Full PDB file with SEQRES, HELIX, SHEET, SSBOND, CRYST1, ORIGX, SCALE, CONECT and MASTER records, all heavy atoms in Angstrom:
SEQRES   1 A   32  ALA GLY VAL HIS GLU ALA SER ALA ASN VAL LEU TYR ALA          
SEQRES   2 A   32  ASP HIS ILE THR ILE ARG PHE GLY GLY LEU VAL ALA VAL          
SEQRES   3 A   32  SER ASP VAL SER PHE GLY                                      
HELIX    1 AA1 GLY A    2  ALA A    8  1                                   7    
SHEET    1 AA1 2 ALA A  13  PHE A  20  0                                        
SHEET    2 AA1 2 LEU A  23  PHE A  31 -1                                        
CRYST1    1.000    1.000    1.000  90.00  90.00  90.00 P 1           1          
ORIGX1      1.000000  0.000000  0.000000        0.00000                         
ORIGX2      0.000000  1.000000  0.000000        0.00000                         
ORIGX3      0.000000  0.000000  1.000000        0.00000                         
SCALE1      1.000000  0.000000  0.000000        0.00000                         
SCALE2      0.000000  1.000000  0.000000        0.00000                         
SCALE3      0.000000  0.000000  1.000000        0.00000                         
ATOM      1  N   ALA A   1      11.614  -4.629   3.649  1.00  0.00           N  
ATOM      2  CA  ALA A   1      10.438  -5.271   4.218  1.00  0.00           C  
ATOM      3  C   ALA A   1       9.336  -5.402   3.174  1.00  0.00           C  
ATOM      4  O   ALA A   1       8.647  -6.421   3.105  1.00  0.00           O  
ATOM      5  CB  ALA A   1       9.933  -4.472   5.420  1.00  0.00           C  
ATOM      6  N   GLY A   2       9.176  -4.367   2.338  1.00  0.00           N  
ATOM      7  CA  GLY A   2       8.160  -4.417   1.293  1.00  0.00           C  
ATOM      8  C   GLY A   2       8.436  -5.507   0.282  1.00  0.00           C  
ATOM      9  O   GLY A   2       7.524  -6.233  -0.127  1.00  0.00           O  
ATOM     10  N   VAL A   3       9.690  -5.649  -0.122  1.00  0.00           N  
ATOM     11  CA  VAL A   3      10.059  -6.691  -1.073  1.00  0.00           C  
ATOM     12  C   VAL A   3       9.820  -8.070  -0.469  1.00  0.00           C  
ATOM     13  O   VAL A   3       9.327  -8.988  -1.132  1.00  0.00           O  
ATOM     14  CB  VAL A   3      11.534  -6.525  -1.502  1.00  0.00           C  
ATOM     15  CG1 VAL A   3      11.989  -7.735  -2.315  1.00  0.00           C  
ATOM     16  CG2 VAL A   3      11.710  -5.249  -2.308  1.00  0.00           C  
ATOM     17  N   HIS A   4      10.160  -8.230   0.799  1.00  0.00           N  
ATOM     18  CA  HIS A   4       9.928  -9.510   1.470  1.00  0.00           C  
ATOM     19  C   HIS A   4       8.447  -9.852   1.508  1.00  0.00           C  
ATOM     20  O   HIS A   4       8.039 -10.975   1.195  1.00  0.00           O  
ATOM     21  CB  HIS A   4      10.490  -9.472   2.890  1.00  0.00           C  
ATOM     22  CG  HIS A   4      10.130 -10.683   3.700  1.00  0.00           C  
ATOM     23  ND1 HIS A   4      10.736 -11.912   3.512  1.00  0.00           N  
ATOM     24  CD2 HIS A   4       9.199 -10.858   4.689  1.00  0.00           C  
ATOM     25  CE1 HIS A   4      10.201 -12.793   4.352  1.00  0.00           C  
ATOM     26  NE2 HIS A   4       9.271 -12.176   5.077  1.00  0.00           N  
ATOM     27  N   GLU A   5       7.601  -8.880   1.889  1.00  0.00           N  
ATOM     28  CA  GLU A   5       6.156  -9.117   1.940  1.00  0.00           C  
ATOM     29  C   GLU A   5       5.601  -9.399   0.552  1.00  0.00           C  
ATOM     30  O   GLU A   5       4.695 -10.221   0.391  1.00  0.00           O  
ATOM     31  CB  GLU A   5       5.445  -7.913   2.560  1.00  0.00           C  
ATOM     32  CG  GLU A   5       5.716  -7.718   4.036  1.00  0.00           C  
ATOM     33  CD  GLU A   5       5.170  -8.866   4.876  1.00  0.00           C  
ATOM     34  OE1 GLU A   5       4.183  -9.499   4.455  1.00  0.00           O  
ATOM     35  OE2 GLU A   5       5.724  -9.134   5.952  1.00  0.00           O  
ATOM     36  N   ALA A   6       6.121  -8.723  -0.448  1.00  0.00           N  
ATOM     37  CA  ALA A   6       5.651  -8.948  -1.814  1.00  0.00           C  
ATOM     38  C   ALA A   6       5.928 -10.366  -2.270  1.00  0.00           C  
ATOM     39  O   ALA A   6       5.123 -10.977  -2.976  1.00  0.00           O  
ATOM     40  CB  ALA A   6       6.322  -7.949  -2.762  1.00  0.00           C  
ATOM     41  N   SER A   7       7.062 -10.912  -1.847  1.00  0.00           N  
ATOM     42  CA  SER A   7       7.406 -12.283  -2.246  1.00  0.00           C  
ATOM     43  C   SER A   7       6.622 -13.312  -1.445  1.00  0.00           C  
ATOM     44  O   SER A   7       6.425 -14.444  -1.904  1.00  0.00           O  
ATOM     45  CB  SER A   7       8.909 -12.521  -2.071  1.00  0.00           C  
ATOM     46  OG  SER A   7       9.283 -12.415  -0.703  1.00  0.00           O  
ATOM     47  N   ALA A   8       6.146 -12.942  -0.261  1.00  0.00           N  
ATOM     48  CA  ALA A   8       5.415 -13.880   0.592  1.00  0.00           C  
ATOM     49  C   ALA A   8       3.923 -13.905   0.302  1.00  0.00           C  
ATOM     50  O   ALA A   8       3.224 -14.818   0.745  1.00  0.00           O  
ATOM     51  CB  ALA A   8       5.641 -13.524   2.064  1.00  0.00           C  
ATOM     52  N   ASN A   9       3.424 -12.913  -0.432  1.00  0.00           N  
ATOM     53  CA  ASN A   9       2.000 -12.793  -0.716  1.00  0.00           C  
ATOM     54  C   ASN A   9       1.746 -12.848  -2.217  1.00  0.00           C  
ATOM     55  O   ASN A   9       2.580 -12.411  -3.011  1.00  0.00           O  
ATOM     56  CB  ASN A   9       1.457 -11.473  -0.167  1.00  0.00           C  
ATOM     57  CG  ASN A   9       1.411 -11.437   1.340  1.00  0.00           C  
ATOM     58  OD1 ASN A   9       0.478 -11.941   1.958  1.00  0.00           O  
ATOM     59  ND2 ASN A   9       2.422 -10.829   1.956  1.00  0.00           N  
ATOM     60  N   VAL A  10       0.589 -13.362  -2.600  1.00  0.00           N  
ATOM     61  CA  VAL A  10       0.212 -13.347  -4.010  1.00  0.00           C  
ATOM     62  C   VAL A  10      -0.003 -11.916  -4.477  1.00  0.00           C  
ATOM     63  O   VAL A  10       0.481 -11.494  -5.527  1.00  0.00           O  
ATOM     64  CB  VAL A  10      -1.067 -14.177  -4.244  1.00  0.00           C  
ATOM     65  CG1 VAL A  10      -1.535 -14.048  -5.687  1.00  0.00           C  
ATOM     66  CG2 VAL A  10      -0.840 -15.633  -3.889  1.00  0.00           C  
ATOM     67  N   LEU A  11      -0.734 -11.152  -3.673  1.00  0.00           N  
ATOM     68  CA  LEU A  11      -0.989  -9.743  -3.965  1.00  0.00           C  
ATOM     69  C   LEU A  11      -0.598  -8.933  -2.747  1.00  0.00           C  
ATOM     70  O   LEU A  11      -0.981  -9.273  -1.622  1.00  0.00           O  
ATOM     71  CB  LEU A  11      -2.474  -9.542  -4.294  1.00  0.00           C  
ATOM     72  CG  LEU A  11      -2.912  -8.153  -4.763  1.00  0.00           C  
ATOM     73  CD1 LEU A  11      -2.221  -7.769  -6.061  1.00  0.00           C  
ATOM     74  CD2 LEU A  11      -4.435  -8.116  -4.961  1.00  0.00           C  
ATOM     75  N   TYR A  12       0.188  -7.883  -2.971  1.00  0.00           N  
ATOM     76  CA  TYR A  12       0.648  -7.079  -1.838  1.00  0.00           C  
ATOM     77  C   TYR A  12       0.652  -5.606  -2.215  1.00  0.00           C  
ATOM     78  O   TYR A  12       1.181  -5.212  -3.264  1.00  0.00           O  
ATOM     79  CB  TYR A  12       2.059  -7.489  -1.412  1.00  0.00           C  
ATOM     80  CG  TYR A  12       2.536  -6.746  -0.185  1.00  0.00           C  
ATOM     81  CD1 TYR A  12       1.929  -6.940   1.046  1.00  0.00           C  
ATOM     82  CD2 TYR A  12       3.578  -5.832  -0.268  1.00  0.00           C  
ATOM     83  CE1 TYR A  12       2.343  -6.245   2.172  1.00  0.00           C  
ATOM     84  CE2 TYR A  12       4.014  -5.138   0.852  1.00  0.00           C  
ATOM     85  CZ  TYR A  12       3.387  -5.348   2.074  1.00  0.00           C  
ATOM     86  OH  TYR A  12       3.793  -4.660   3.181  1.00  0.00           O  
ATOM     87  N   ALA A  13       0.033  -4.798  -1.363  1.00  0.00           N  
ATOM     88  CA  ALA A  13       0.046  -3.342  -1.505  1.00  0.00           C  
ATOM     89  C   ALA A  13       0.973  -2.777  -0.447  1.00  0.00           C  
ATOM     90  O   ALA A  13       0.764  -2.996   0.752  1.00  0.00           O  
ATOM     91  CB  ALA A  13      -1.368  -2.790  -1.343  1.00  0.00           C  
ATOM     92  N   ASP A  14       1.983  -2.050  -0.873  1.00  0.00           N  
ATOM     93  CA  ASP A  14       3.043  -1.585   0.014  1.00  0.00           C  
ATOM     94  C   ASP A  14       2.931  -0.078   0.224  1.00  0.00           C  
ATOM     95  O   ASP A  14       3.227   0.715  -0.666  1.00  0.00           O  
ATOM     96  CB  ASP A  14       4.403  -1.934  -0.607  1.00  0.00           C  
ATOM     97  CG  ASP A  14       5.567  -1.620   0.308  1.00  0.00           C  
ATOM     98  OD1 ASP A  14       5.365  -1.548   1.543  1.00  0.00           O  
ATOM     99  OD2 ASP A  14       6.689  -1.440  -0.209  1.00  0.00           O  
ATOM    100  N   HIS A  15       2.439   0.315   1.420  1.00  0.00           N  
ATOM    101  CA  HIS A  15       2.366   1.722   1.827  1.00  0.00           C  
ATOM    102  C   HIS A  15       1.642   2.578   0.779  1.00  0.00           C  
ATOM    103  O   HIS A  15       2.194   3.552   0.246  1.00  0.00           O  
ATOM    104  CB  HIS A  15       3.760   2.271   2.106  1.00  0.00           C  
ATOM    105  CG  HIS A  15       4.435   1.614   3.281  1.00  0.00           C  
ATOM    106  ND1 HIS A  15       4.090   1.890   4.587  1.00  0.00           N  
ATOM    107  CD2 HIS A  15       5.408   0.666   3.338  1.00  0.00           C  
ATOM    108  CE1 HIS A  15       4.836   1.152   5.403  1.00  0.00           C  
ATOM    109  NE2 HIS A  15       5.637   0.399   4.684  1.00  0.00           N  
ATOM    110  N   ILE A  16       0.395   2.204   0.503  1.00  0.00           N  
ATOM    111  CA  ILE A  16      -0.395   2.900  -0.512  1.00  0.00           C  
ATOM    112  C   ILE A  16      -1.053   4.151   0.073  1.00  0.00           C  
ATOM    113  O   ILE A  16      -1.712   4.107   1.108  1.00  0.00           O  
ATOM    114  CB  ILE A  16      -1.491   1.972  -1.076  1.00  0.00           C  
ATOM    115  CG1 ILE A  16      -0.858   0.769  -1.788  1.00  0.00           C  
ATOM    116  CG2 ILE A  16      -2.423   2.737  -2.008  1.00  0.00           C  
ATOM    117  CD1 ILE A  16      -0.060   1.129  -3.020  1.00  0.00           C  
ATOM    118  N   THR A  17      -0.843   5.272  -0.604  1.00  0.00           N  
ATOM    119  CA  THR A  17      -1.544   6.518  -0.305  1.00  0.00           C  
ATOM    120  C   THR A  17      -2.212   6.997  -1.587  1.00  0.00           C  
ATOM    121  O   THR A  17      -1.609   6.946  -2.663  1.00  0.00           O  
ATOM    122  CB  THR A  17      -0.584   7.595   0.221  1.00  0.00           C  
ATOM    123  OG1 THR A  17      -0.068   7.176   1.495  1.00  0.00           O  
ATOM    124  CG2 THR A  17      -1.284   8.937   0.390  1.00  0.00           C  
ATOM    125  N   ILE A  18      -3.474   7.450  -1.452  1.00  0.00           N  
ATOM    126  CA  ILE A  18      -4.234   7.914  -2.609  1.00  0.00           C  
ATOM    127  C   ILE A  18      -4.812   9.282  -2.287  1.00  0.00           C  
ATOM    128  O   ILE A  18      -5.537   9.449  -1.300  1.00  0.00           O  
ATOM    129  CB  ILE A  18      -5.368   6.940  -2.961  1.00  0.00           C  
ATOM    130  CG1 ILE A  18      -4.814   5.517  -3.128  1.00  0.00           C  
ATOM    131  CG2 ILE A  18      -6.085   7.375  -4.226  1.00  0.00           C  
ATOM    132  CD1 ILE A  18      -5.840   4.443  -2.912  1.00  0.00           C  
ATOM    133  N   ARG A  19      -4.477  10.258  -3.120  1.00  0.00           N  
ATOM    134  CA  ARG A  19      -4.976  11.616  -2.934  1.00  0.00           C  
ATOM    135  C   ARG A  19      -5.802  12.038  -4.136  1.00  0.00           C  
ATOM    136  O   ARG A  19      -5.453  11.740  -5.275  1.00  0.00           O  
ATOM    137  CB  ARG A  19      -3.815  12.606  -2.767  1.00  0.00           C  
ATOM    138  CG  ARG A  19      -2.916  12.343  -1.577  1.00  0.00           C  
ATOM    139  CD  ARG A  19      -1.897  13.464  -1.418  1.00  0.00           C  
ATOM    140  NE  ARG A  19      -0.939  13.182  -0.365  1.00  0.00           N  
ATOM    141  CZ  ARG A  19       0.215  12.543  -0.560  1.00  0.00           C  
ATOM    142  NH1 ARG A  19       0.546  12.145  -1.796  1.00  0.00           N  
ATOM    143  NH2 ARG A  19       1.041  12.310   0.432  1.00  0.00           N  
ATOM    144  N   PHE A  20      -6.896  12.720  -3.863  1.00  0.00           N  
ATOM    145  CA  PHE A  20      -7.688  13.365  -4.900  1.00  0.00           C  
ATOM    146  C   PHE A  20      -7.698  14.854  -4.571  1.00  0.00           C  
ATOM    147  O   PHE A  20      -8.465  15.309  -3.718  1.00  0.00           O  
ATOM    148  CB  PHE A  20      -9.113  12.810  -4.922  1.00  0.00           C  
ATOM    149  CG  PHE A  20      -9.187  11.345  -5.241  1.00  0.00           C  
ATOM    150  CD1 PHE A  20      -9.496  10.428  -4.248  1.00  0.00           C  
ATOM    151  CD2 PHE A  20      -8.936  10.887  -6.520  1.00  0.00           C  
ATOM    152  CE1 PHE A  20      -9.569   9.076  -4.528  1.00  0.00           C  
ATOM    153  CE2 PHE A  20      -9.000   9.538  -6.817  1.00  0.00           C  
ATOM    154  CZ  PHE A  20      -9.317   8.626  -5.824  1.00  0.00           C  
ATOM    155  N   GLY A  21      -6.808  15.606  -5.243  1.00  0.00           N  
ATOM    156  CA  GLY A  21      -6.642  17.008  -4.872  1.00  0.00           C  
ATOM    157  C   GLY A  21      -6.114  17.091  -3.452  1.00  0.00           C  
ATOM    158  O   GLY A  21      -5.097  16.493  -3.105  1.00  0.00           O  
ATOM    159  N   GLY A  22      -6.822  17.803  -2.586  1.00  0.00           N  
ATOM    160  CA  GLY A  22      -6.396  17.911  -1.197  1.00  0.00           C  
ATOM    161  C   GLY A  22      -6.940  16.834  -0.295  1.00  0.00           C  
ATOM    162  O   GLY A  22      -6.624  16.794   0.900  1.00  0.00           O  
ATOM    163  N   LEU A  23      -7.759  15.914  -0.844  1.00  0.00           N  
ATOM    164  CA  LEU A  23      -8.368  14.857  -0.046  1.00  0.00           C  
ATOM    165  C   LEU A  23      -7.501  13.611  -0.054  1.00  0.00           C  
ATOM    166  O   LEU A  23      -7.133  13.103  -1.115  1.00  0.00           O  
ATOM    167  CB  LEU A  23      -9.756  14.517  -0.588  1.00  0.00           C  
ATOM    168  CG  LEU A  23     -10.448  13.297   0.031  1.00  0.00           C  
ATOM    169  CD1 LEU A  23     -10.796  13.577   1.488  1.00  0.00           C  
ATOM    170  CD2 LEU A  23     -11.693  12.926  -0.765  1.00  0.00           C  
ATOM    171  N   VAL A  24      -7.163  13.114   1.128  1.00  0.00           N  
ATOM    172  CA  VAL A  24      -6.437  11.846   1.245  1.00  0.00           C  
ATOM    173  C   VAL A  24      -7.466  10.754   1.498  1.00  0.00           C  
ATOM    174  O   VAL A  24      -8.038  10.642   2.580  1.00  0.00           O  
ATOM    175  CB  VAL A  24      -5.406  11.887   2.393  1.00  0.00           C  
ATOM    176  CG1 VAL A  24      -4.686  10.553   2.496  1.00  0.00           C  
ATOM    177  CG2 VAL A  24      -4.401  13.014   2.156  1.00  0.00           C  
ATOM    178  N   ALA A  25      -7.726   9.937   0.465  1.00  0.00           N  
ATOM    179  CA  ALA A  25      -8.747   8.888   0.575  1.00  0.00           C  
ATOM    180  C   ALA A  25      -8.208   7.643   1.254  1.00  0.00           C  
ATOM    181  O   ALA A  25      -8.941   6.940   1.967  1.00  0.00           O  
ATOM    182  CB  ALA A  25      -9.275   8.530  -0.810  1.00  0.00           C  
ATOM    183  N   VAL A  26      -6.929   7.351   1.028  1.00  0.00           N  
ATOM    184  CA  VAL A  26      -6.261   6.205   1.652  1.00  0.00           C  
ATOM    185  C   VAL A  26      -4.891   6.672   2.094  1.00  0.00           C  
ATOM    186  O   VAL A  26      -4.171   7.311   1.320  1.00  0.00           O  
ATOM    187  CB  VAL A  26      -6.135   5.015   0.678  1.00  0.00           C  
ATOM    188  CG1 VAL A  26      -5.313   3.884   1.291  1.00  0.00           C  
ATOM    189  CG2 VAL A  26      -7.516   4.509   0.255  1.00  0.00           C  
ATOM    190  N   SER A  27      -4.521   6.353   3.335  1.00  0.00           N  
ATOM    191  CA  SER A  27      -3.284   6.884   3.885  1.00  0.00           C  
ATOM    192  C   SER A  27      -2.360   5.765   4.359  1.00  0.00           C  
ATOM    193  O   SER A  27      -2.640   5.092   5.356  1.00  0.00           O  
ATOM    194  CB  SER A  27      -3.589   7.828   5.053  1.00  0.00           C  
ATOM    195  OG  SER A  27      -2.395   8.342   5.615  1.00  0.00           O  
ATOM    196  N   ASP A  28      -1.282   5.540   3.617  1.00  0.00           N  
ATOM    197  CA  ASP A  28      -0.181   4.669   4.029  1.00  0.00           C  
ATOM    198  C   ASP A  28      -0.676   3.272   4.439  1.00  0.00           C  
ATOM    199  O   ASP A  28      -0.350   2.774   5.521  1.00  0.00           O  
ATOM    200  CB  ASP A  28       0.587   5.311   5.186  1.00  0.00           C  
ATOM    201  CG  ASP A  28       1.946   4.639   5.423  1.00  0.00           C  
ATOM    202  OD1 ASP A  28       2.521   4.127   4.447  1.00  0.00           O  
ATOM    203  OD2 ASP A  28       2.398   4.623   6.583  1.00  0.00           O  
ATOM    204  N   VAL A  29      -1.429   2.631   3.554  1.00  0.00           N  
ATOM    205  CA  VAL A  29      -1.985   1.312   3.842  1.00  0.00           C  
ATOM    206  C   VAL A  29      -1.139   0.227   3.197  1.00  0.00           C  
ATOM    207  O   VAL A  29      -0.857   0.272   1.996  1.00  0.00           O  
ATOM    208  CB  VAL A  29      -3.444   1.204   3.338  1.00  0.00           C  
ATOM    209  CG1 VAL A  29      -3.948  -0.239   3.412  1.00  0.00           C  
ATOM    210  CG2 VAL A  29      -4.339   2.119   4.152  1.00  0.00           C  
ATOM    211  N   SER A  30      -0.730  -0.750   3.999  1.00  0.00           N  
ATOM    212  CA  SER A  30      -0.071  -1.958   3.493  1.00  0.00           C  
ATOM    213  C   SER A  30      -1.003  -3.138   3.722  1.00  0.00           C  
ATOM    214  O   SER A  30      -1.647  -3.243   4.778  1.00  0.00           O  
ATOM    215  CB  SER A  30       1.265  -2.196   4.203  1.00  0.00           C  
ATOM    216  OG  SER A  30       2.186  -1.162   3.891  1.00  0.00           O  
ATOM    217  N   PHE A  31      -1.069  -4.017   2.726  1.00  0.00           N  
ATOM    218  CA  PHE A  31      -2.098  -5.055   2.750  1.00  0.00           C  
ATOM    219  C   PHE A  31      -1.621  -6.221   1.897  1.00  0.00           C  
ATOM    220  O   PHE A  31      -1.188  -6.041   0.755  1.00  0.00           O  
ATOM    221  CB  PHE A  31      -3.393  -4.460   2.169  1.00  0.00           C  
ATOM    222  CG  PHE A  31      -4.562  -5.398   2.107  1.00  0.00           C  
ATOM    223  CD1 PHE A  31      -5.425  -5.519   3.177  1.00  0.00           C  
ATOM    224  CD2 PHE A  31      -4.797  -6.143   0.971  1.00  0.00           C  
ATOM    225  CE1 PHE A  31      -6.513  -6.380   3.107  1.00  0.00           C  
ATOM    226  CE2 PHE A  31      -5.886  -6.992   0.884  1.00  0.00           C  
ATOM    227  CZ  PHE A  31      -6.742  -7.108   1.965  1.00  0.00           C  
ATOM    228  N   GLY A  32      -1.682  -7.431   2.455  1.00  0.00           N  
ATOM    229  CA  GLY A  32      -1.229  -8.597   1.716  1.00  0.00           C  
ATOM    230  C   GLY A  32      -2.257  -9.708   1.672  1.00  0.00           C  
ATOM    231  O   GLY A  32      -3.061  -9.864   2.598  1.00  0.00           O  
TER     232      GLY A  32                                                      
MASTER        0    0    0    1    2    0    0    6  231    1    0    3          
END                                                                             
């Protein structure tokens, strides 16, 4: 599904999670 969305969008973020130490700033975000 991620590969399909990546090909359908110019820019695609697939299930992005960002942690700073114990802090989760972004949790499992997909965005096209």
